[in-house]
Amino acid sequence: MHKDSLREHPIIFFDGVCGMCNGFVDIIIRADIKGVFRFAALQGETAKEILPAQSKESNDWSMIYVDDRGVHDQSDASLEIYRRLGGLWTILGLARLIPRCIRTPAYRVIARNRYRWFGQRDACRSPTKSEKEWFLP
């Protein structure tokens, strides 16, 4: 992808069958009043084209955020999304003050348990008609 298109429309890659991940996507869609972000499932074609090969073990996966500044994963991905949303979301970005050596293990605990705690869908999310323009294959 070209840097200019990523500056205009960064991509949030998420686990398409994870209940928590889909909930996060729903929140970002409501908060993204300017329609900046694009979304793609880690299991989808866009992820295969842009990202390095993912582990076969979904417990190893992380939300990934790709913008003109690079590839951000784990807690850094969330923090970059909050930064880009701006406004009151910037307050959540203050979590960046927590050292990565603490944030990353906490993120991994949630990631490893996300299906058990938040549920798992049988198939990847299908966007509604009004969401279609925001989702990549």
N, C-alpha and C. Protein backbone atom coordinates (compact mmCIF):
# COMPACT_ATOMS: atom_id res chain seq x y z
N MET A 1 0.84 -1.18 0.00
CA MET A 1 0.00 0.00 0.00
C MET A 1 0.88 1.24 0.00
N HIS A 2 0.40 2.26 -0.59
CA HIS A 2 1.12 3.51 -0.69
C HIS A 2 0.99 4.29 0.62
N LYS A 3 2.08 4.97 1.04
CA LYS A 3 2.07 5.71 2.30
C LYS A 3 0.98 6.78 2.35
N ASP A 4 0.71 7.44 1.22
CA ASP A 4 -0.31 8.48 1.21
C ASP A 4 -1.69 7.90 1.52
N SER A 5 -1.97 6.72 0.96
CA SER A 5 -3.28 6.12 1.24
C SER A 5 -3.36 5.66 2.69
N LEU A 6 -2.23 5.21 3.26
CA LEU A 6 -2.22 4.81 4.66
C LEU A 6 -2.30 6.02 5.59
N ARG A 7 -1.81 7.17 5.15
CA ARG A 7 -1.94 8.40 5.94
C ARG A 7 -3.41 8.80 6.00
N GLU A 8 -4.06 8.69 4.86
CA GLU A 8 -5.47 9.07 4.77
C GLU A 8 -6.39 8.03 5.42
N HIS A 9 -6.09 6.76 5.19
CA HIS A 9 -6.94 5.67 5.69
C HIS A 9 -6.09 4.54 6.26
N PRO A 10 -5.61 4.69 7.51
CA PRO A 10 -4.85 3.60 8.13
C PRO A 10 -5.75 2.37 8.29
N ILE A 11 -5.13 1.20 8.39
CA ILE A 11 -5.87 -0.06 8.46
C ILE A 11 -5.72 -0.68 9.84
N ILE A 12 -6.85 -1.10 10.39
CA ILE A 12 -6.86 -1.86 11.64
C ILE A 12 -7.14 -3.31 11.28
N PHE A 13 -6.16 -4.18 11.53
CA PHE A 13 -6.33 -5.61 11.31
C PHE A 13 -6.76 -6.23 12.64
N PHE A 14 -7.81 -7.02 12.60
CA PHE A 14 -8.36 -7.59 13.83
C PHE A 14 -8.74 -9.05 13.59
N ASP A 15 -8.86 -9.81 14.67
CA ASP A 15 -9.29 -11.19 14.60
C ASP A 15 -10.79 -11.19 14.30
N GLY A 16 -11.15 -11.60 13.11
CA GLY A 16 -12.53 -11.51 12.64
C GLY A 16 -13.53 -12.39 13.36
N VAL A 17 -13.06 -13.38 14.12
CA VAL A 17 -13.99 -14.27 14.84
C VAL A 17 -14.01 -13.99 16.34
N CYS A 18 -13.22 -13.05 16.80
CA CYS A 18 -13.11 -12.74 18.23
C CYS A 18 -14.20 -11.76 18.65
N GLY A 19 -14.96 -12.12 19.68
CA GLY A 19 -16.02 -11.25 20.17
C GLY A 19 -15.49 -9.91 20.66
N MET A 20 -14.40 -9.93 21.42
CA MET A 20 -13.82 -8.69 21.94
C MET A 20 -13.31 -7.81 20.79
N CYS A 21 -12.64 -8.42 19.83
CA CYS A 21 -12.07 -7.66 18.71
C CYS A 21 -13.18 -7.00 17.89
N ASN A 22 -14.26 -7.72 17.64
CA ASN A 22 -15.38 -7.16 16.90
C ASN A 22 -16.05 -6.05 17.69
N GLY A 23 -16.11 -6.19 19.01
CA GLY A 23 -16.64 -5.12 19.85
C GLY A 23 -15.80 -3.86 19.76
N PHE A 24 -14.46 -4.04 19.74
CA PHE A 24 -13.55 -2.90 19.59
C PHE A 24 -13.79 -2.22 18.24
N VAL A 25 -13.94 -3.01 17.19
CA VAL A 25 -14.21 -2.44 15.87
C VAL A 25 -15.51 -1.63 15.89
N ASP A 26 -16.54 -2.15 16.55
CA ASP A 26 -17.81 -1.42 16.65
C ASP A 26 -17.61 -0.07 17.33
N ILE A 27 -16.83 -0.06 18.40
CA ILE A 27 -16.57 1.19 19.13
C ILE A 27 -15.83 2.19 18.24
N ILE A 28 -14.82 1.72 17.52
CA ILE A 28 -14.03 2.61 16.66
C ILE A 28 -14.90 3.15 15.52
N ILE A 29 -15.74 2.31 14.95
CA ILE A 29 -16.63 2.79 13.88
C ILE A 29 -17.51 3.93 14.39
N ARG A 30 -18.08 3.79 15.58
CA ARG A 30 -18.92 4.85 16.14
C ARG A 30 -18.11 6.10 16.45
N ALA A 31 -16.87 5.93 16.91
CA ALA A 31 -16.04 7.07 17.30
C ALA A 31 -15.41 7.78 16.10
N ASP A 32 -15.23 7.06 15.00
CA ASP A 32 -14.53 7.57 13.82
C ASP A 32 -15.50 8.37 12.94
N ILE A 33 -15.89 9.53 13.42
CA ILE A 33 -16.89 10.33 12.71
C ILE A 33 -16.40 10.86 11.36
N LYS A 34 -15.08 10.89 11.16
CA LYS A 34 -14.53 11.36 9.89
C LYS A 34 -14.33 10.23 8.89
N GLY A 35 -14.57 8.98 9.31
CA GLY A 35 -14.41 7.84 8.40
C GLY A 35 -12.98 7.60 7.99
N VAL A 36 -12.06 7.77 8.90
CA VAL A 36 -10.63 7.66 8.60
C VAL A 36 -10.19 6.20 8.46
N PHE A 37 -10.57 5.36 9.41
CA PHE A 37 -10.02 4.01 9.48
C PHE A 37 -10.65 3.05 8.47
N ARG A 38 -9.84 2.07 8.10
CA ARG A 38 -10.31 0.92 7.32
C ARG A 38 -10.02 -0.31 8.18
N PHE A 39 -10.82 -1.35 7.98
CA PHE A 39 -10.72 -2.55 8.80
C PHE A 39 -10.54 -3.77 7.92
N ALA A 40 -9.76 -4.72 8.41
CA ALA A 40 -9.55 -5.97 7.68
C ALA A 40 -9.30 -7.08 8.70
N ALA A 41 -9.93 -8.21 8.48
CA ALA A 41 -9.73 -9.35 9.36
C ALA A 41 -8.33 -9.93 9.13
N LEU A 42 -7.71 -10.38 10.20
CA LEU A 42 -6.41 -11.04 10.09
C LEU A 42 -6.50 -12.29 9.23
N GLN A 43 -7.70 -12.85 9.12
CA GLN A 43 -7.91 -14.05 8.32
C GLN A 43 -8.20 -13.73 6.85
N GLY A 44 -8.24 -12.46 6.48
CA GLY A 44 -8.66 -12.06 5.14
C GLY A 44 -7.54 -11.89 4.14
N GLU A 45 -7.94 -11.59 2.92
CA GLU A 45 -7.01 -11.42 1.80
C GLU A 45 -6.09 -10.22 1.97
N THR A 46 -6.61 -9.11 2.48
CA THR A 46 -5.79 -7.91 2.65
C THR A 46 -4.65 -8.19 3.62
N ALA A 47 -4.94 -8.91 4.69
CA ALA A 47 -3.89 -9.27 5.66
C ALA A 47 -2.82 -10.14 5.00
N LYS A 48 -3.24 -11.07 4.16
CA LYS A 48 -2.28 -11.95 3.48
C LYS A 48 -1.39 -11.16 2.53
N GLU A 49 -1.95 -10.11 1.92
CA GLU A 49 -1.19 -9.29 0.97
C GLU A 49 -0.22 -8.33 1.66
N ILE A 50 -0.62 -7.77 2.79
CA ILE A 50 0.15 -6.68 3.40
C ILE A 50 1.03 -7.14 4.56
N LEU A 51 0.53 -8.05 5.38
CA LEU A 51 1.24 -8.42 6.61
C LEU A 51 2.12 -9.65 6.40
N PRO A 52 3.15 -9.77 7.22
CA PRO A 52 3.91 -11.03 7.20
C PRO A 52 2.97 -12.17 7.62
N ALA A 53 3.33 -13.38 7.27
CA ALA A 53 2.49 -14.54 7.61
C ALA A 53 2.25 -14.60 9.12
N GLN A 54 1.00 -14.82 9.48
CA GLN A 54 0.62 -14.92 10.89
C GLN A 54 0.87 -16.34 11.39
N SER A 55 1.10 -16.45 12.67
CA SER A 55 1.24 -17.75 13.31
C SER A 55 -0.04 -18.55 13.08
N LYS A 56 0.08 -19.84 12.98
CA LYS A 56 -1.10 -20.70 12.85
C LYS A 56 -1.89 -20.71 14.15
N GLU A 57 -1.24 -20.39 15.25
CA GLU A 57 -1.85 -20.38 16.58
C GLU A 57 -2.47 -19.01 16.84
N SER A 58 -3.80 -18.94 16.87
CA SER A 58 -4.48 -17.64 17.03
C SER A 58 -4.17 -16.99 18.39
N ASN A 59 -3.74 -17.75 19.38
CA ASN A 59 -3.36 -17.16 20.67
C ASN A 59 -2.16 -16.22 20.53
N ASP A 60 -1.37 -16.41 19.47
CA ASP A 60 -0.20 -15.57 19.23
C ASP A 60 -0.57 -14.27 18.51
N TRP A 61 -1.77 -14.19 17.98
CA TRP A 61 -2.16 -13.04 17.17
C TRP A 61 -2.32 -11.79 18.01
N SER A 62 -2.25 -10.68 17.31
CA SER A 62 -2.41 -9.37 17.93
C SER A 62 -3.18 -8.49 16.95
N MET A 63 -3.89 -7.52 17.50
CA MET A 63 -4.45 -6.50 16.62
C MET A 63 -3.24 -5.78 16.01
N ILE A 64 -3.35 -5.43 14.75
CA ILE A 64 -2.25 -4.74 14.05
C ILE A 64 -2.83 -3.49 13.41
N TYR A 65 -2.12 -2.40 13.58
CA TYR A 65 -2.51 -1.11 13.01
C TYR A 65 -1.41 -0.68 12.06
N VAL A 66 -1.77 -0.39 10.82
CA VAL A 66 -0.80 0.01 9.81
C VAL A 66 -1.17 1.40 9.32
N ASP A 67 -0.20 2.32 9.46
CA ASP A 67 -0.40 3.68 8.95
C ASP A 67 0.87 4.12 8.23
N ASP A 68 0.94 5.37 7.87
CA ASP A 68 2.09 5.87 7.12
C ASP A 68 3.37 5.87 7.97
N ARG A 69 3.22 5.70 9.27
CA ARG A 69 4.39 5.67 10.16
C ARG A 69 4.91 4.25 10.39
N GLY A 70 4.17 3.24 9.93
CA GLY A 70 4.63 1.87 10.06
C GLY A 70 3.57 0.91 10.57
N VAL A 71 4.07 -0.23 11.06
CA VAL A 71 3.22 -1.30 11.56
C VAL A 71 3.31 -1.29 13.08
N HIS A 72 2.15 -1.26 13.74
CA HIS A 72 2.07 -1.22 15.20
C HIS A 72 1.26 -2.42 15.64
N ASP A 73 1.72 -3.12 16.66
CA ASP A 73 0.95 -4.27 17.13
C ASP A 73 0.78 -4.23 18.65
N GLN A 74 0.01 -5.17 19.13
CA GLN A 74 -0.29 -5.32 20.55
C GLN A 74 -0.79 -4.00 21.14
N SER A 75 -0.36 -3.65 22.34
CA SER A 75 -0.90 -2.43 22.97
C SER A 75 -0.53 -1.18 22.18
N ASP A 76 0.59 -1.20 21.48
CA ASP A 76 0.98 -0.04 20.67
C ASP A 76 -0.07 0.25 19.58
N ALA A 77 -0.70 -0.80 19.05
CA ALA A 77 -1.73 -0.61 18.02
C ALA A 77 -2.90 0.18 18.60
N SER A 78 -3.38 -0.24 19.76
CA SER A 78 -4.50 0.46 20.40
C SER A 78 -4.14 1.91 20.68
N LEU A 79 -2.96 2.13 21.20
CA LEU A 79 -2.54 3.48 21.55
C LEU A 79 -2.44 4.38 20.32
N GLU A 80 -1.98 3.84 19.21
CA GLU A 80 -1.91 4.61 17.97
C GLU A 80 -3.31 4.95 17.46
N ILE A 81 -4.24 4.01 17.61
CA ILE A 81 -5.62 4.26 17.18
C ILE A 81 -6.22 5.39 18.01
N TYR A 82 -6.02 5.36 19.33
CA TYR A 82 -6.54 6.42 20.20
C TYR A 82 -5.92 7.76 19.83
N ARG A 83 -4.62 7.75 19.53
CA ARG A 83 -3.93 8.98 19.14
C ARG A 83 -4.56 9.55 17.88
N ARG A 84 -4.82 8.69 16.91
CA ARG A 84 -5.39 9.14 15.63
C ARG A 84 -6.83 9.63 15.78
N LEU A 85 -7.59 8.99 16.67
CA LEU A 85 -8.97 9.44 16.91
C LEU A 85 -8.98 10.84 17.51
N GLY A 86 -8.00 11.13 18.36
CA GLY A 86 -7.90 12.46 18.98
C GLY A 86 -9.01 12.70 19.99
N GLY A 87 -9.20 13.96 20.33
CA GLY A 87 -10.24 14.34 21.29
C GLY A 87 -10.06 13.64 22.63
N LEU A 88 -11.17 13.23 23.22
CA LEU A 88 -11.13 12.56 24.51
C LEU A 88 -10.42 11.20 24.46
N TRP A 89 -10.35 10.61 23.26
CA TRP A 89 -9.67 9.32 23.11
C TRP A 89 -8.19 9.45 23.46
N THR A 90 -7.65 10.66 23.34
CA THR A 90 -6.24 10.89 23.66
C THR A 90 -5.95 10.52 25.12
N ILE A 91 -6.95 10.65 25.97
CA ILE A 91 -6.75 10.29 27.39
C ILE A 91 -6.36 8.82 27.52
N LEU A 92 -7.01 7.94 26.74
CA LEU A 92 -6.63 6.52 26.77
C LEU A 92 -5.21 6.33 26.27
N GLY A 93 -4.78 7.20 25.39
CA GLY A 93 -3.42 7.13 24.87
C GLY A 93 -2.37 7.39 25.93
N LEU A 94 -2.78 7.96 27.06
CA LEU A 94 -1.82 8.18 28.15
C LEU A 94 -1.28 6.87 28.71
N ALA A 95 -1.93 5.77 28.36
CA ALA A 95 -1.42 4.46 28.78
C ALA A 95 -0.02 4.23 28.20
N ARG A 96 0.36 5.02 27.22
CA ARG A 96 1.71 4.93 26.66
C ARG A 96 2.76 5.22 27.73
N LEU A 97 2.36 5.92 28.79
CA LEU A 97 3.28 6.22 29.90
C LEU A 97 3.62 4.96 30.70
N ILE A 98 2.78 3.94 30.59
CA ILE A 98 3.08 2.65 31.22
C ILE A 98 4.15 1.98 30.37
N PRO A 99 5.23 1.54 30.99
CA PRO A 99 6.31 0.92 30.19
C PRO A 99 5.81 -0.29 29.39
N ARG A 100 6.34 -0.44 28.19
CA ARG A 100 5.97 -1.55 27.31
C ARG A 100 6.21 -2.90 27.99
N CYS A 101 7.22 -2.98 28.85
CA CYS A 101 7.52 -4.25 29.53
C CYS A 101 6.39 -4.66 30.48
N ILE A 102 5.50 -3.75 30.82
CA ILE A 102 4.31 -4.05 31.62
C ILE A 102 3.09 -4.19 30.72
N ARG A 103 2.96 -3.28 29.74
CA ARG A 103 1.80 -3.29 28.84
C ARG A 103 1.72 -4.56 28.01
N THR A 104 2.85 -5.00 27.46
CA THR A 104 2.85 -6.15 26.55
C THR A 104 2.41 -7.44 27.25
N PRO A 105 2.98 -7.78 28.42
CA PRO A 105 2.50 -9.00 29.08
C PRO A 105 1.00 -8.94 29.44
N ALA A 106 0.53 -7.77 29.86
CA ALA A 106 -0.89 -7.62 30.17
C ALA A 106 -1.73 -7.83 28.91
N TYR A 107 -1.29 -7.26 27.79
CA TYR A 107 -1.97 -7.44 26.52
C TYR A 107 -2.01 -8.92 26.14
N ARG A 108 -0.89 -9.62 26.30
CA ARG A 108 -0.80 -11.04 25.93
C ARG A 108 -1.76 -11.90 26.76
N VAL A 109 -1.93 -11.57 28.04
CA VAL A 109 -2.86 -12.33 28.88
C VAL A 109 -4.28 -12.20 28.31
N ILE A 110 -4.66 -10.98 27.96
CA ILE A 110 -5.99 -10.76 27.39
C ILE A 110 -6.11 -11.47 26.05
N ALA A 111 -5.08 -11.34 25.21
CA ALA A 111 -5.11 -11.96 23.87
C ALA A 111 -5.25 -13.48 23.96
N ARG A 112 -4.54 -14.11 24.88
CA ARG A 112 -4.60 -15.57 25.02
C ARG A 112 -5.96 -16.05 25.54
N ASN A 113 -6.66 -15.20 26.26
CA ASN A 113 -7.93 -15.60 26.87
C ASN A 113 -9.16 -14.99 26.21
N ARG A 114 -8.99 -14.27 25.10
CA ARG A 114 -10.08 -13.49 24.52
C ARG A 114 -11.26 -14.35 24.09
N TYR A 115 -11.04 -15.53 23.55
CA TYR A 115 -12.16 -16.37 23.13
C TYR A 115 -12.94 -16.87 24.35
N ARG A 116 -12.23 -17.26 25.38
CA ARG A 116 -12.87 -17.78 26.59
C ARG A 116 -13.66 -16.67 27.30
N TRP A 117 -13.09 -15.47 27.38
CA TRP A 117 -13.72 -14.38 28.11
C TRP A 117 -14.78 -13.64 27.31
N PHE A 118 -14.58 -13.50 26.00
CA PHE A 118 -15.47 -12.65 25.20
C PHE A 118 -16.20 -13.39 24.08
N GLY A 119 -15.92 -14.66 23.92
CA GLY A 119 -16.61 -15.47 22.92
C GLY A 119 -15.91 -15.48 21.56
N GLN A 120 -16.34 -16.44 20.75
CA GLN A 120 -15.77 -16.63 19.42
C GLN A 120 -16.90 -16.90 18.45
N ARG A 121 -16.86 -16.24 17.31
CA ARG A 121 -17.86 -16.43 16.27
C ARG A 121 -17.48 -17.63 15.41
N ASP A 122 -18.45 -18.16 14.69
CA ASP A 122 -18.19 -19.29 13.79
C ASP A 122 -17.49 -18.85 12.51
N ALA A 123 -17.70 -17.59 12.12
CA ALA A 123 -17.11 -17.08 10.88
C ALA A 123 -16.73 -15.62 11.08
N CYS A 124 -15.89 -15.12 10.19
CA CYS A 124 -15.47 -13.72 10.27
C CYS A 124 -16.67 -12.79 10.09
N ARG A 125 -16.52 -11.64 10.67
CA ARG A 125 -17.55 -10.60 10.62
C ARG A 125 -17.88 -10.24 9.17
N SER A 126 -19.16 -10.10 8.90
CA SER A 126 -19.63 -9.59 7.61
C SER A 126 -20.15 -8.18 7.86
N PRO A 127 -19.54 -7.19 7.24
CA PRO A 127 -20.00 -5.81 7.49
C PRO A 127 -21.42 -5.59 6.96
N THR A 128 -22.13 -4.70 7.61
CA THR A 128 -23.46 -4.31 7.14
C THR A 128 -23.29 -3.46 5.88
N LYS A 129 -24.39 -3.18 5.20
CA LYS A 129 -24.33 -2.33 4.00
C LYS A 129 -23.71 -0.98 4.31
N SER A 130 -24.08 -0.41 5.46
CA SER A 130 -23.55 0.92 5.80
C SER A 130 -22.07 0.87 6.20
N GLU A 131 -21.56 -0.30 6.56
CA GLU A 131 -20.16 -0.45 6.96
C GLU A 131 -19.24 -0.87 5.81
N LYS A 132 -19.82 -1.35 4.72
CA LYS A 132 -19.03 -1.95 3.63
C LYS A 132 -17.83 -1.12 3.19
N GLU A 133 -18.00 0.17 3.06
CA GLU A 133 -16.91 1.03 2.55
C GLU A 133 -15.71 1.06 3.50
N TRP A 134 -15.90 0.70 4.74
CA TRP A 134 -14.82 0.74 5.72
C TRP A 134 -14.03 -0.56 5.80
N PHE A 135 -14.57 -1.63 5.21
CA PHE A 135 -13.95 -2.95 5.36
C PHE A 135 -13.26 -3.38 4.07
N LEU A 136 -12.08 -3.93 4.25
CA LEU A 136 -11.29 -4.46 3.15
C LEU A 136 -11.44 -5.98 3.16
N PRO A 137 -11.29 -6.61 2.01
CA PRO A 137 -11.46 -8.08 1.96
C PRO A 137 -10.41 -8.83 2.77
